Amino acid sequence: MLMYELLALKQPYEDEDAFDVPQFVVSGKRPQLPAVRVLLCGCLARLLLTCYSQLHESYNELIQIFKECTEVSPDVRPNMETLRDKLMRLHWSQTA
């Protein structure tokens, strides 16, 4: 859920009753990530708008990684080595 907090800028399930969260998790319900446009606010808007396409592409890749990490079946989730490799590829694609 750390990735969710980084991408959504809020805590997962914060709008849900705490007693309902375990059932949501077991049933496969995952918190919805906001569209990238939601992030375009405040004093960062101008900076983000200049690199919107790059941000949008990175955000979509992070969403895909988030979805893989929150699969209901642990066997389908990427292991730490695979996750590290994906994040490193994303990082280097943005700095190249």
Protein backbone atom coordinates (compact mmCIF):
# COMPACT_ATOMS: atom_id res chain seq x y z
CA MET A 1 0.00 0.00 0.00
CA LEU A 2 3.05 2.24 0.14
CA MET A 3 2.86 2.61 -3.65
CA TYR A 4 -0.79 3.62 -3.34
CA GLU A 5 0.10 6.36 -0.85
CA LEU A 6 2.87 7.65 -3.12
CA LEU A 7 0.66 7.65 -6.21
CA ALA A 8 -2.61 8.84 -4.66
CA LEU A 9 -1.15 11.16 -2.01
CA LYS A 10 -3.53 9.71 0.57
CA GLN A 11 -3.95 6.59 2.67
CA PRO A 12 -5.63 3.54 1.18
CA TYR A 13 -9.22 2.90 2.27
CA GLU A 14 -9.29 6.21 4.20
CA ASP A 15 -12.92 6.73 3.19
CA GLU A 16 -13.94 3.26 4.36
CA ASP A 17 -14.90 2.05 7.81
CA ALA A 18 -11.83 0.41 9.38
CA PHE A 19 -13.86 -2.69 10.25
CA ASP A 20 -14.73 -3.22 6.57
CA VAL A 21 -11.16 -3.02 5.25
CA PRO A 22 -10.10 -6.63 6.00
CA GLN A 23 -13.16 -7.93 4.11
CA PHE A 24 -12.37 -5.62 1.17
CA VAL A 25 -8.81 -6.94 1.01
CA VAL A 26 -9.87 -10.59 1.23
CA SER A 27 -12.51 -10.10 -1.47
CA GLY A 28 -9.97 -8.49 -3.80
CA LYS A 29 -11.22 -4.91 -3.57
CA ARG A 30 -8.34 -2.51 -4.03
CA PRO A 31 -8.31 1.26 -3.60
CA GLN A 32 -8.79 3.19 -6.83
CA LEU A 33 -5.94 5.39 -7.98
CA PRO A 34 -6.81 8.91 -9.13
CA ALA A 35 -6.26 10.00 -12.71
CA VAL A 36 -2.96 11.72 -13.31
CA ARG A 37 -4.81 15.04 -13.86
CA VAL A 38 -5.75 15.08 -10.16
CA LEU A 39 -2.08 15.55 -9.38
CA LEU A 40 -1.92 18.73 -11.46
CA CYS A 41 -2.79 21.20 -8.73
CA GLY A 42 -1.26 23.80 -6.48
CA CYS A 43 2.11 25.38 -7.07
CA LEU A 44 3.45 22.30 -8.88
CA ALA A 45 0.98 22.66 -11.74
CA ARG A 46 3.25 24.63 -14.06
CA LEU A 47 6.19 22.32 -13.50
CA LEU A 48 4.08 19.22 -14.00
CA LEU A 49 2.42 20.58 -17.11
CA THR A 50 5.80 21.01 -18.78
CA CYS A 51 6.52 17.31 -18.39
CA TYR A 52 2.92 16.02 -18.48
CA SER A 53 3.47 13.39 -21.16
CA GLN A 54 6.47 11.94 -19.36
CA LEU A 55 4.62 12.03 -16.04
CA HIS A 56 1.53 10.45 -17.58
CA GLU A 57 3.58 7.60 -19.06
CA SER A 58 5.42 6.99 -15.78
CA TYR A 59 2.19 7.16 -13.79
CA ASN A 60 0.54 4.57 -16.04
CA GLU A 61 3.52 2.25 -15.62
CA LEU A 62 3.38 2.69 -11.84
CA ILE A 63 -0.34 1.93 -11.89
CA GLN A 64 0.40 -1.32 -13.74
CA ILE A 65 3.06 -2.25 -11.18
CA PHE A 66 0.61 -1.37 -8.37
CA LYS A 67 -2.03 -3.66 -9.90
CA GLU A 68 0.48 -6.50 -10.18
CA CYS A 69 1.55 -6.02 -6.54
CA THR A 70 -2.02 -6.07 -5.27
CA GLU A 71 -3.20 -9.20 -7.04
CA VAL A 72 -5.36 -11.36 -4.77
CA SER A 73 -3.21 -14.44 -5.38
CA PRO A 74 0.31 -14.07 -3.94
CA ASP A 75 1.60 -16.44 -6.64
CA VAL A 76 0.75 -13.86 -9.31
CA ARG A 77 2.42 -10.92 -7.54
CA PRO A 78 5.97 -10.03 -8.59
CA ASN A 79 8.75 -10.98 -6.21
CA MET A 80 11.05 -8.29 -4.79
CA GLU A 81 13.73 -8.86 -7.42
CA THR A 82 11.23 -8.46 -10.28
CA LEU A 83 9.72 -5.41 -8.61
CA ARG A 84 13.15 -3.84 -8.15
CA ASP A 85 14.00 -4.51 -11.82
CA LYS A 86 10.75 -2.92 -13.02
CA LEU A 87 11.24 0.16 -10.87
CA MET A 88 14.87 0.50 -11.94
CA ARG A 89 13.89 0.26 -15.63
CA LEU A 90 11.24 2.92 -15.09
CA HIS A 91 13.72 5.14 -13.28
CA TRP A 92 16.40 4.83 -15.96
CA SER A 93 13.90 5.36 -18.77
CA GLN A 94 13.04 8.72 -17.19
CA THR A 95 16.63 9.83 -16.60
CA ALA A 96 18.01 8.81 -20.01
